[in-house]
Structures are given as structure tokens and as C-alpha cells.
Amino acid sequence: MGFKDFLKLYDEILRQGHRTEILRELRDEDDLFFLLLYSEMLGLPNPVSFYTLELYPYMLEKFHDWHKRMGMEKSPLSGFRCC
């Protein structure tokens, strides 16, 4: 067992008890990022809209899951028909 294998095993042991918490935190960060990304289209001022505009094509695949998780039955954006 090499040092890298030991570090990987140690990391797995530390994460085991907190796996669901880590996944929940990552999901919450994604939700906040999506709100920032699509806030301009939802009517909220977005100070970084120029920079986030480039990310729209990459995030369209995850948009459906996001708006369902936020409690929106259909897409809130008229230009994006994902449902």
C-alpha cells in the first residue's frame, strides 16, 4: 500500500459518516449558483450577468432538475422549454 492509497483510504474513512451532508451542501451550492446564473431571466438584478451569460449552454442540461427541485412545476423562463 503506497502513500497515495493510504491518503485515499483515510479520506474515505473521514467522509463515510458525512457523505449525505456533503452531497446536500454541494446541491445547495449548485442551487445558489443556478439562481445567480438565471436571476436576470427571473427578474432579479444580476451584477455579473455579463460573465454568467457564457455558462448558459453548459447549464441547460441541469436546468430542468433545478427548477423541479425549487418547486416550479414548469420552466419559469419563456425562452427555455425544458418540460
C-alpha atoms as a PDB file:
ATOM      1  CA  MET A   1       0.000   0.000   0.000  1.00  0.00           C
ATOM      2  CA  GLY A   2       1.520   3.263  -1.145  1.00  0.00           C
ATOM      3  CA  PHE A   3       1.175   6.670   0.427  1.00  0.00           C
ATOM      4  CA  LYS A   4      -1.463   7.757  -2.121  1.00  0.00           C
ATOM      5  CA  ASP A   5      -3.541   4.665  -1.326  1.00  0.00           C
ATOM      6  CA  PHE A   6      -3.251   5.441   2.377  1.00  0.00           C
ATOM      7  CA  LEU A   7      -4.431   9.027   1.829  1.00  0.00           C
ATOM      8  CA  LYS A   8      -7.339   7.811  -0.276  1.00  0.00           C
ATOM      9  CA  LEU A   9      -8.376   5.317   2.424  1.00  0.00           C
ATOM     10  CA  TYR A  10      -8.040   7.989   5.121  1.00  0.00           C
ATOM     11  CA  ASP A  11     -10.182  10.391   3.095  1.00  0.00           C
ATOM     12  CA  GLU A  12     -12.868   7.733   2.595  1.00  0.00           C
ATOM     13  CA  ILE A  13     -12.961   6.981   6.327  1.00  0.00           C
ATOM     14  CA  LEU A  14     -13.437  10.668   7.147  1.00  0.00           C
ATOM     15  CA  ARG A  15     -16.157  11.137   4.531  1.00  0.00           C
ATOM     16  CA  GLN A  16     -18.144   7.995   5.332  1.00  0.00           C
ATOM     17  CA  GLY A  17     -20.187   9.478   8.150  1.00  0.00           C
ATOM     18  CA  HIS A  18     -20.749  12.787   6.399  1.00  0.00           C
ATOM     19  CA  ARG A  19     -21.481  11.701   2.836  1.00  0.00           C
ATOM     20  CA  THR A  20     -25.132  12.847   2.833  1.00  0.00           C
ATOM     21  CA  GLU A  21     -24.212  16.172   4.426  1.00  0.00           C
ATOM     22  CA  ILE A  22     -21.526  16.763   1.828  1.00  0.00           C
ATOM     23  CA  LEU A  23     -23.916  15.918  -1.016  1.00  0.00           C
ATOM     24  CA  ARG A  24     -26.589  18.226   0.450  1.00  0.00           C
ATOM     25  CA  GLU A  25     -24.094  21.087   0.729  1.00  0.00           C
ATOM     26  CA  LEU A  26     -22.952  20.560  -2.857  1.00  0.00           C
ATOM     27  CA  ARG A  27     -26.579  20.561  -4.038  1.00  0.00           C
ATOM     28  CA  ASP A  28     -27.259  23.783  -2.109  1.00  0.00           C
ATOM     29  CA  GLU A  29     -24.220  25.419  -3.712  1.00  0.00           C
ATOM     30  CA  ASP A  30     -25.451  24.329  -7.140  1.00  0.00           C
ATOM     31  CA  ASP A  31     -28.895  25.786  -6.386  1.00  0.00           C
ATOM     32  CA  LEU A  32     -27.394  29.113  -5.374  1.00  0.00           C
ATOM     33  CA  PHE A  33     -25.221  29.136  -8.487  1.00  0.00           C
ATOM     34  CA  PHE A  34     -28.252  28.455 -10.706  1.00  0.00           C
ATOM     35  CA  LEU A  35     -30.171  31.260  -9.008  1.00  0.00           C
ATOM     36  CA  LEU A  36     -27.292  33.600  -9.748  1.00  0.00           C
ATOM     37  CA  LEU A  37     -26.994  32.312 -13.292  1.00  0.00           C
ATOM     38  CA  TYR A  38     -30.692  32.668 -14.182  1.00  0.00           C
ATOM     39  CA  SER A  39     -31.619  35.566 -11.879  1.00  0.00           C
ATOM     40  CA  GLU A  40     -31.691  38.097 -14.714  1.00  0.00           C
ATOM     41  CA  MET A  41     -34.273  35.999 -16.560  1.00  0.00           C
ATOM     42  CA  LEU A  42     -36.335  35.642 -13.387  1.00  0.00           C
ATOM     43  CA  GLY A  43     -36.483  39.427 -12.940  1.00  0.00           C
ATOM     44  CA  LEU A  44     -33.778  39.782 -10.294  1.00  0.00           C
ATOM     45  CA  PRO A  45     -30.859  42.123 -10.976  1.00  0.00           C
ATOM     46  CA  ASN A  46     -27.670  40.215 -11.656  1.00  0.00           C
ATOM     47  CA  PRO A  47     -24.459  42.231 -11.312  1.00  0.00           C
ATOM     48  CA  VAL A  48     -22.390  39.533 -13.041  1.00  0.00           C
ATOM     49  CA  SER A  49     -24.757  38.713 -15.923  1.00  0.00           C
ATOM     50  CA  PHE A  50     -22.065  39.505 -18.488  1.00  0.00           C
ATOM     51  CA  TYR A  51     -19.851  36.745 -17.076  1.00  0.00           C
ATOM     52  CA  THR A  52     -22.591  34.193 -16.493  1.00  0.00           C
ATOM     53  CA  LEU A  53     -24.022  34.557 -19.997  1.00  0.00           C
ATOM     54  CA  GLU A  54     -21.306  32.284 -21.362  1.00  0.00           C
ATOM     55  CA  LEU A  55     -22.359  29.483 -18.992  1.00  0.00           C
ATOM     56  CA  TYR A  56     -25.972  29.115 -20.195  1.00  0.00           C
ATOM     57  CA  PRO A  57     -25.293  26.432 -22.835  1.00  0.00           C
ATOM     58  CA  TYR A  58     -23.443  24.277 -20.316  1.00  0.00           C
ATOM     59  CA  MET A  59     -26.125  24.583 -17.633  1.00  0.00           C
ATOM     60  CA  LEU A  60     -29.195  23.903 -19.778  1.00  0.00           C
ATOM     61  CA  GLU A  61     -28.950  20.164 -19.169  1.00  0.00           C
ATOM     62  CA  LYS A  62     -29.223  20.651 -15.398  1.00  0.00           C
ATOM     63  CA  PHE A  63     -31.850  23.409 -15.571  1.00  0.00           C
ATOM     64  CA  HIS A  64     -34.824  21.021 -15.550  1.00  0.00           C
ATOM     65  CA  ASP A  65     -33.686  19.276 -12.378  1.00  0.00           C
ATOM     66  CA  TRP A  66     -33.026  22.635 -10.722  1.00  0.00           C
ATOM     67  CA  HIS A  67     -36.425  24.190 -11.348  1.00  0.00           C
ATOM     68  CA  LYS A  68     -38.154  20.969 -10.253  1.00  0.00           C
ATOM     69  CA  ARG A  69     -36.118  20.994  -7.020  1.00  0.00           C
ATOM     70  CA  MET A  70     -37.075  24.648  -6.455  1.00  0.00           C
ATOM     71  CA  GLY A  71     -40.751  23.699  -6.592  1.00  0.00           C
ATOM     72  CA  MET A  72     -41.532  25.066 -10.055  1.00  0.00           C
ATOM     73  CA  GLU A  73     -43.647  22.579 -11.965  1.00  0.00           C
ATOM     74  CA  LYS A  74     -42.841  24.093 -15.372  1.00  0.00           C
ATOM     75  CA  SER A  75     -39.904  26.151 -16.567  1.00  0.00           C
ATOM     76  CA  PRO A  76     -40.223  29.735 -15.301  1.00  0.00           C
ATOM     77  CA  LEU A  77     -38.425  31.057 -18.356  1.00  0.00           C
ATOM     78  CA  SER A  78     -40.377  31.562 -21.545  1.00  0.00           C
ATOM     79  CA  GLY A  79     -37.308  31.148 -23.767  1.00  0.00           C
ATOM     80  CA  PHE A  80     -36.255  27.821 -22.225  1.00  0.00           C
ATOM     81  CA  ARG A  81     -38.660  24.998 -22.847  1.00  0.00           C
ATOM     82  CA  CYS A  82     -37.325  22.014 -20.977  1.00  0.00           C
ATOM     83  CA  CYS A  83     -40.590  20.369 -19.892  1.00  0.00           C
END
